[in-house]
């Protein structure tokens, strides 16, 4: 059973940092891709970063050099976000894809404001 939970969101000042986590209630075997998405008010959900089991990563242009996606062997996934700005304000979701299909977490709010 895949049940993802995100954590680590919150209110941060411009230029600040946050670290998001995405964890499943149990171990996941055979996952193919994990992605962090975000959805700002009035905008479509967009892919921010993704990672596959061999460690290869993808980043949207808007976050390159500021965000880092990683995972441990649990697996648990992380999104390290630095130098945040107001345009990063959104609900952040994790999604894991595997042979079973795709599963989404419930989202965690990130608000960047002074």
Protein backbone atom coordinates (compact mmCIF):
# COMPACT_ATOMS: atom_id res chain seq x y z
CA UNK A 1 0.00 0.00 0.00
CA UNK A 2 1.34 3.41 -0.98
CA UNK A 3 0.29 6.23 1.32
CA UNK A 4 2.49 9.28 1.04
CA UNK A 5 2.75 12.06 3.60
CA UNK A 6 4.60 15.33 3.04
CA UNK A 7 6.00 17.46 5.82
CA UNK A 8 8.32 20.40 6.31
CA UNK A 9 6.28 23.21 4.82
CA UNK A 10 5.68 26.50 6.55
CA UNK A 11 6.15 30.24 6.46
CA UNK A 12 9.61 31.50 5.55
CA UNK A 13 11.04 34.89 4.70
CA UNK A 14 12.40 35.65 1.23
CA UNK A 15 15.88 34.24 0.94
CA UNK A 16 15.15 31.58 3.51
CA UNK A 17 15.26 27.79 3.29
CA UNK A 18 13.01 24.85 3.93
CA UNK A 19 13.39 21.10 3.66
CA UNK A 20 10.38 19.06 2.61
CA UNK A 21 10.07 15.35 3.27
CA UNK A 22 7.88 12.72 1.65
CA UNK A 23 7.48 9.38 3.36
CA UNK A 24 5.37 6.32 2.79
CA UNK A 25 3.70 4.50 5.65
CA UNK A 26 5.67 1.38 4.71
CA UNK A 27 8.49 0.36 2.47
CA UNK A 28 8.07 0.83 -1.26
CA UNK A 29 9.60 -1.63 -3.67
CA UNK A 30 9.88 -1.12 -7.38
CA UNK A 31 9.24 2.60 -7.53
CA UNK A 32 10.15 4.08 -10.89
CA UNK A 33 10.07 7.83 -10.40
CA UNK A 34 9.40 10.30 -7.63
CA UNK A 35 8.48 13.89 -8.25
CA UNK A 36 7.87 17.06 -6.27
CA UNK A 37 5.09 19.19 -7.71
CA UNK A 38 3.63 22.49 -6.65
CA UNK A 39 0.44 24.37 -7.24
CA UNK A 40 0.12 28.08 -6.62
CA UNK A 41 -3.29 29.76 -6.32
CA UNK A 42 -4.88 30.14 -9.72
CA UNK A 43 -2.15 28.18 -11.47
CA UNK A 44 -1.77 24.66 -12.79
CA UNK A 45 0.16 22.08 -10.85
CA UNK A 46 3.73 21.97 -12.12
CA UNK A 47 6.65 19.59 -11.79
CA UNK A 48 9.44 21.08 -9.73
CA UNK A 49 11.93 18.22 -9.52
CA UNK A 50 12.08 14.48 -9.96
CA UNK A 51 14.40 11.59 -9.22
CA UNK A 52 14.67 8.00 -10.36
CA UNK A 53 16.21 5.06 -8.49
CA UNK A 54 19.65 5.42 -10.11
CA UNK A 55 19.81 8.94 -8.72
CA UNK A 56 19.29 10.85 -11.94
CA UNK A 57 17.42 14.08 -11.34
CA UNK A 58 15.42 16.70 -13.19
CA UNK A 59 14.73 20.28 -12.16
CA UNK A 60 12.44 22.92 -13.57
CA UNK A 61 14.36 25.96 -14.80
CA UNK A 62 12.77 28.15 -12.17
CA UNK A 63 14.35 26.16 -9.32
CA UNK A 64 17.69 25.07 -10.76
CA UNK A 65 20.54 25.93 -8.45
CA UNK A 66 18.17 26.57 -5.53
CA UNK A 67 16.35 23.27 -4.99
CA UNK A 68 17.87 19.83 -4.46
CA UNK A 69 15.93 16.57 -4.60
CA UNK A 70 17.28 13.50 -2.83
CA UNK A 71 16.23 10.25 -1.24
CA UNK A 72 17.47 7.73 1.25
CA UNK A 73 17.15 3.96 1.16
CA UNK A 74 13.87 3.74 3.09
CA UNK A 75 12.99 5.25 0.66
CA UNK A 76 12.15 8.66 1.94
CA UNK A 77 12.39 11.64 -0.38
CA UNK A 78 13.46 15.19 0.30
CA UNK A 79 13.36 18.57 -1.35
CA UNK A 80 15.90 21.04 -0.04
CA UNK A 81 14.82 24.55 -0.98
CA UNK A 82 17.13 27.54 -0.64
CA UNK A 83 16.94 31.22 -1.54
CA UNK A 84 13.17 31.07 -1.58
CA UNK A 85 11.14 33.87 -3.10
CA UNK A 86 7.47 34.78 -3.26
CA UNK A 87 7.02 32.87 -6.52
CA UNK A 88 7.81 29.66 -4.66
CA UNK A 89 4.67 30.06 -2.56
CA UNK A 90 2.46 27.06 -3.29
CA UNK A 91 1.20 23.77 -2.02
CA UNK A 92 3.92 21.19 -2.60
CA UNK A 93 2.98 17.61 -3.40
CA UNK A 94 5.02 14.46 -3.77
CA UNK A 95 4.13 11.79 -6.26
CA UNK A 96 5.59 8.32 -6.58
CA UNK A 97 5.15 6.22 -9.70
CA UNK A 98 5.63 2.49 -9.98
CA UNK A 99 4.07 -0.62 -11.46
CA UNK A 100 0.97 0.08 -9.36
CA UNK A 101 0.46 3.49 -10.97
CA UNK A 102 0.90 6.91 -9.40
CA UNK A 103 0.26 7.96 -5.82
CA UNK A 104 0.07 11.50 -4.48
CA UNK A 105 0.55 12.90 -1.04
CA UNK A 106 -1.89 15.37 0.48
CA UNK A 107 0.42 18.34 0.07
CA UNK A 108 2.24 20.74 2.35
CA UNK A 109 1.90 24.53 2.21
CA UNK A 110 4.97 26.65 1.59
CA UNK A 111 4.53 30.39 2.02
CA UNK A 112 7.33 32.83 1.32
CA UNK A 113 6.60 36.26 2.77
CA UNK A 114 8.29 38.93 4.84
